[in-house]
């Protein structure tokens, strides 16, 4: 059996939330909430901590301020054609920097303040 069949046969659901390491959580929250339209779901230590989760639709991301981590991540986020068009309009309204690139598909790339890459493939 393939992994997908095993998962379906057993009834288990896989659920993932990527963790993006950031140098300044407050700055990152401003970017994700105000420029990309995410909502804050939770924030450790009653909003004073260094870990929180943001989401938009079914896309959930954990942001973690950790001075020891300088990793960069790449997150591939698929939207419908209409959803991508609406999102591009929102990005332009918020003056969020984007660029067109190729990563197996024509994509719109948005970099967060720490250089984490959010790639949105253009539907064919």
C-alpha atoms as a PDB file:
ATOM      1  CA  UNK A   1       0.000   0.000   0.000  1.00  0.00           C
ATOM      2  CA  UNK A   2       1.130   3.537  -0.636  1.00  0.00           C
ATOM      3  CA  UNK A   3       1.318   6.033   2.211  1.00  0.00           C
ATOM      4  CA  UNK A   4      -1.851   7.715   0.949  1.00  0.00           C
ATOM      5  CA  UNK A   5      -3.783   4.441   0.927  1.00  0.00           C
ATOM      6  CA  UNK A   6      -2.531   3.540   4.392  1.00  0.00           C
ATOM      7  CA  UNK A   7      -3.683   6.889   5.706  1.00  0.00           C
ATOM      8  CA  UNK A   8      -7.121   6.571   4.103  1.00  0.00           C
ATOM      9  CA  UNK A   9      -7.580   2.963   5.145  1.00  0.00           C
ATOM     10  CA  UNK A  10      -6.762   3.639   8.786  1.00  0.00           C
ATOM     11  CA  UNK A  11      -8.887   6.777   8.944  1.00  0.00           C
ATOM     12  CA  UNK A  12      -6.014   8.865  10.283  1.00  0.00           C
ATOM     13  CA  UNK A  13      -5.751  12.493   9.283  1.00  0.00           C
ATOM     14  CA  UNK A  14      -2.423  14.221   8.917  1.00  0.00           C
ATOM     15  CA  UNK A  15      -2.392  17.861   9.920  1.00  0.00           C
ATOM     16  CA  UNK A  16       0.634  20.106   9.639  1.00  0.00           C
ATOM     17  CA  UNK A  17       1.515  23.636  10.632  1.00  0.00           C
ATOM     18  CA  UNK A  18       4.895  24.889   9.498  1.00  0.00           C
ATOM     19  CA  UNK A  19       6.986  26.809  12.007  1.00  0.00           C
ATOM     20  CA  UNK A  20       8.692  29.896  10.601  1.00  0.00           C
ATOM     21  CA  UNK A  21      11.491  31.343  12.690  1.00  0.00           C
ATOM     22  CA  UNK A  22      11.455  35.127  12.934  1.00  0.00           C
ATOM     23  CA  UNK A  23      13.766  37.674  14.504  1.00  0.00           C
ATOM     24  CA  UNK A  24      11.052  40.088  15.680  1.00  0.00           C
ATOM     25  CA  UNK A  25       7.623  38.604  16.357  1.00  0.00           C
ATOM     26  CA  UNK A  26       5.900  41.978  16.597  1.00  0.00           C
ATOM     27  CA  UNK A  27       7.226  42.986  13.148  1.00  0.00           C
ATOM     28  CA  UNK A  28       6.261  39.614  11.698  1.00  0.00           C
ATOM     29  CA  UNK A  29       2.749  39.847  13.126  1.00  0.00           C
ATOM     30  CA  UNK A  30       2.327  43.260  11.544  1.00  0.00           C
ATOM     31  CA  UNK A  31       3.350  41.777   8.184  1.00  0.00           C
ATOM     32  CA  UNK A  32       1.164  38.654   8.339  1.00  0.00           C
ATOM     33  CA  UNK A  33      -1.880  40.360   9.862  1.00  0.00           C
ATOM     34  CA  UNK A  34      -1.845  43.780   8.221  1.00  0.00           C
ATOM     35  CA  UNK A  35      -0.255  43.067   4.856  1.00  0.00           C
ATOM     36  CA  UNK A  36      -1.252  39.470   4.129  1.00  0.00           C
ATOM     37  CA  UNK A  37      -4.648  39.396   5.844  1.00  0.00           C
ATOM     38  CA  UNK A  38      -3.987  36.555   8.294  1.00  0.00           C
ATOM     39  CA  UNK A  39      -5.694  36.342  11.699  1.00  0.00           C
ATOM     40  CA  UNK A  40      -3.899  35.624  14.978  1.00  0.00           C
ATOM     41  CA  UNK A  41      -5.281  32.408  16.510  1.00  0.00           C
ATOM     42  CA  UNK A  42      -3.219  32.182  19.662  1.00  0.00           C
ATOM     43  CA  UNK A  43      -0.172  33.770  21.248  1.00  0.00           C
ATOM     44  CA  UNK A  44       1.873  32.200  24.043  1.00  0.00           C
ATOM     45  CA  UNK A  45       2.021  33.754  27.506  1.00  0.00           C
ATOM     46  CA  UNK A  46      -1.235  35.665  27.009  1.00  0.00           C
ATOM     47  CA  UNK A  47       0.173  37.639  24.094  1.00  0.00           C
ATOM     48  CA  UNK A  48       3.539  38.410  25.647  1.00  0.00           C
ATOM     49  CA  UNK A  49       5.373  35.280  24.455  1.00  0.00           C
ATOM     50  CA  UNK A  50       7.565  34.562  21.489  1.00  0.00           C
ATOM     51  CA  UNK A  51       5.360  31.973  19.739  1.00  0.00           C
ATOM     52  CA  UNK A  52       2.012  32.474  18.055  1.00  0.00           C
ATOM     53  CA  UNK A  53      -0.123  31.035  15.288  1.00  0.00           C
ATOM     54  CA  UNK A  54      -1.647  32.923  12.390  1.00  0.00           C
ATOM     55  CA  UNK A  55      -4.092  31.598   9.834  1.00  0.00           C
ATOM     56  CA  UNK A  56      -5.974  32.445   6.732  1.00  0.00           C
ATOM     57  CA  UNK A  57      -8.584  29.954   5.550  1.00  0.00           C
ATOM     58  CA  UNK A  58      -6.993  26.503   5.967  1.00  0.00           C
ATOM     59  CA  UNK A  59      -3.426  27.848   5.953  1.00  0.00           C
ATOM     60  CA  UNK A  60      -1.981  27.904   9.474  1.00  0.00           C
ATOM     61  CA  UNK A  61       1.538  29.068  10.298  1.00  0.00           C
ATOM     62  CA  UNK A  62       3.324  29.135  13.629  1.00  0.00           C
ATOM     63  CA  UNK A  63       5.684  32.088  14.060  1.00  0.00           C
ATOM     64  CA  UNK A  64       8.495  31.606  16.558  1.00  0.00           C
ATOM     65  CA  UNK A  65      10.948  34.289  17.662  1.00  0.00           C
ATOM     66  CA  UNK A  66      14.169  32.475  18.484  1.00  0.00           C
ATOM     67  CA  UNK A  67      17.494  34.328  18.448  1.00  0.00           C
ATOM     68  CA  UNK A  68      19.382  31.051  17.969  1.00  0.00           C
ATOM     69  CA  UNK A  69      17.581  30.216  14.707  1.00  0.00           C
ATOM     70  CA  UNK A  70      18.313  32.017  11.466  1.00  0.00           C
ATOM     71  CA  UNK A  71      16.742  29.432   9.156  1.00  0.00           C
ATOM     72  CA  UNK A  72      14.751  30.413   6.114  1.00  0.00           C
ATOM     73  CA  UNK A  73      11.752  28.434   4.920  1.00  0.00           C
ATOM     74  CA  UNK A  74       9.777  28.115   1.730  1.00  0.00           C
ATOM     75  CA  UNK A  75       6.033  27.533   1.979  1.00  0.00           C
ATOM     76  CA  UNK A  76       4.050  26.514  -1.116  1.00  0.00           C
ATOM     77  CA  UNK A  77       0.426  27.730  -0.829  1.00  0.00           C
ATOM     78  CA  UNK A  78      -2.156  26.809  -3.470  1.00  0.00           C
ATOM     79  CA  UNK A  79      -5.157  29.045  -4.116  1.00  0.00           C
ATOM     80  CA  UNK A  80      -7.933  28.841  -6.676  1.00  0.00           C
ATOM     81  CA  UNK A  81      -7.535  31.088  -9.737  1.00  0.00           C
ATOM     82  CA  UNK A  82     -10.083  33.553  -8.333  1.00  0.00           C
ATOM     83  CA  UNK A  83      -8.516  33.348  -4.880  1.00  0.00           C
ATOM     84  CA  UNK A  84      -5.075  34.175  -6.243  1.00  0.00           C
ATOM     85  CA  UNK A  85      -6.447  37.065  -8.269  1.00  0.00           C
ATOM     86  CA  UNK A  86      -8.201  38.484  -5.179  1.00  0.00           C
ATOM     87  CA  UNK A  87      -5.078  37.969  -3.071  1.00  0.00           C
ATOM     88  CA  UNK A  88      -2.873  39.752  -5.625  1.00  0.00           C
ATOM     89  CA  UNK A  89      -5.274  42.695  -5.494  1.00  0.00           C
ATOM     90  CA  UNK A  90      -5.016  42.723  -1.677  1.00  0.00           C
ATOM     91  CA  UNK A  91      -1.221  42.601  -1.841  1.00  0.00           C
ATOM     92  CA  UNK A  92      -1.182  45.584  -4.200  1.00  0.00           C
ATOM     93  CA  UNK A  93      -3.545  47.525  -1.917  1.00  0.00           C
ATOM     94  CA  UNK A  94      -1.249  46.847   1.053  1.00  0.00           C
ATOM     95  CA  UNK A  95       1.895  47.620  -0.980  1.00  0.00           C
ATOM     96  CA  UNK A  96       3.271  44.187  -0.071  1.00  0.00           C
ATOM     97  CA  UNK A  97       6.335  43.423  -2.184  1.00  0.00           C
ATOM     98  CA  UNK A  98       5.897  40.510  -4.581  1.00  0.00           C
ATOM     99  CA  UNK A  99       7.749  39.109  -7.534  1.00  0.00           C
ATOM    100  CA  UNK A 100       7.008  36.585 -10.214  1.00  0.00           C
ATOM    101  CA  UNK A 101       9.245  33.545 -10.173  1.00  0.00           C
ATOM    102  CA  UNK A 102       9.425  29.918 -11.216  1.00  0.00           C
ATOM    103  CA  UNK A 103       9.405  26.992  -8.818  1.00  0.00           C
ATOM    104  CA  UNK A 104       8.072  24.170 -10.932  1.00  0.00           C
ATOM    105  CA  UNK A 105       5.233  26.512 -11.833  1.00  0.00           C
ATOM    106  CA  UNK A 106       4.833  30.185 -12.541  1.00  0.00           C
ATOM    107  CA  UNK A 107       4.444  31.604  -9.043  1.00  0.00           C
ATOM    108  CA  UNK A 108       3.945  34.795  -7.119  1.00  0.00           C
ATOM    109  CA  UNK A 109       6.569  35.058  -4.383  1.00  0.00           C
ATOM    110  CA  UNK A 110       6.131  37.035  -1.177  1.00  0.00           C
ATOM    111  CA  UNK A 111       9.026  37.237   1.289  1.00  0.00           C
ATOM    112  CA  UNK A 112       8.303  37.940   4.923  1.00  0.00           C
ATOM    113  CA  UNK A 113      10.568  40.366   6.841  1.00  0.00           C
ATOM    114  CA  UNK A 114      12.944  37.503   7.747  1.00  0.00           C
ATOM    115  CA  UNK A 115      13.290  36.160   4.211  1.00  0.00           C
ATOM    116  CA  UNK A 116      10.889  33.225   4.551  1.00  0.00           C
ATOM    117  CA  UNK A 117       9.381  32.652   1.108  1.00  0.00           C
ATOM    118  CA  UNK A 118       5.672  32.195   0.485  1.00  0.00           C
ATOM    119  CA  UNK A 119       5.095  30.823  -3.012  1.00  0.00           C
ATOM    120  CA  UNK A 120       1.660  30.999  -4.623  1.00  0.00           C
ATOM    121  CA  UNK A 121       1.488  28.972  -7.870  1.00  0.00           C
ATOM    122  CA  UNK A 122      -0.516  30.435 -10.728  1.00  0.00           C
ATOM    123  CA  UNK A 123      -3.279  28.012 -11.727  1.00  0.00           C
ATOM    124  CA  UNK A 124      -3.079  26.829 -15.314  1.00  0.00           C
END
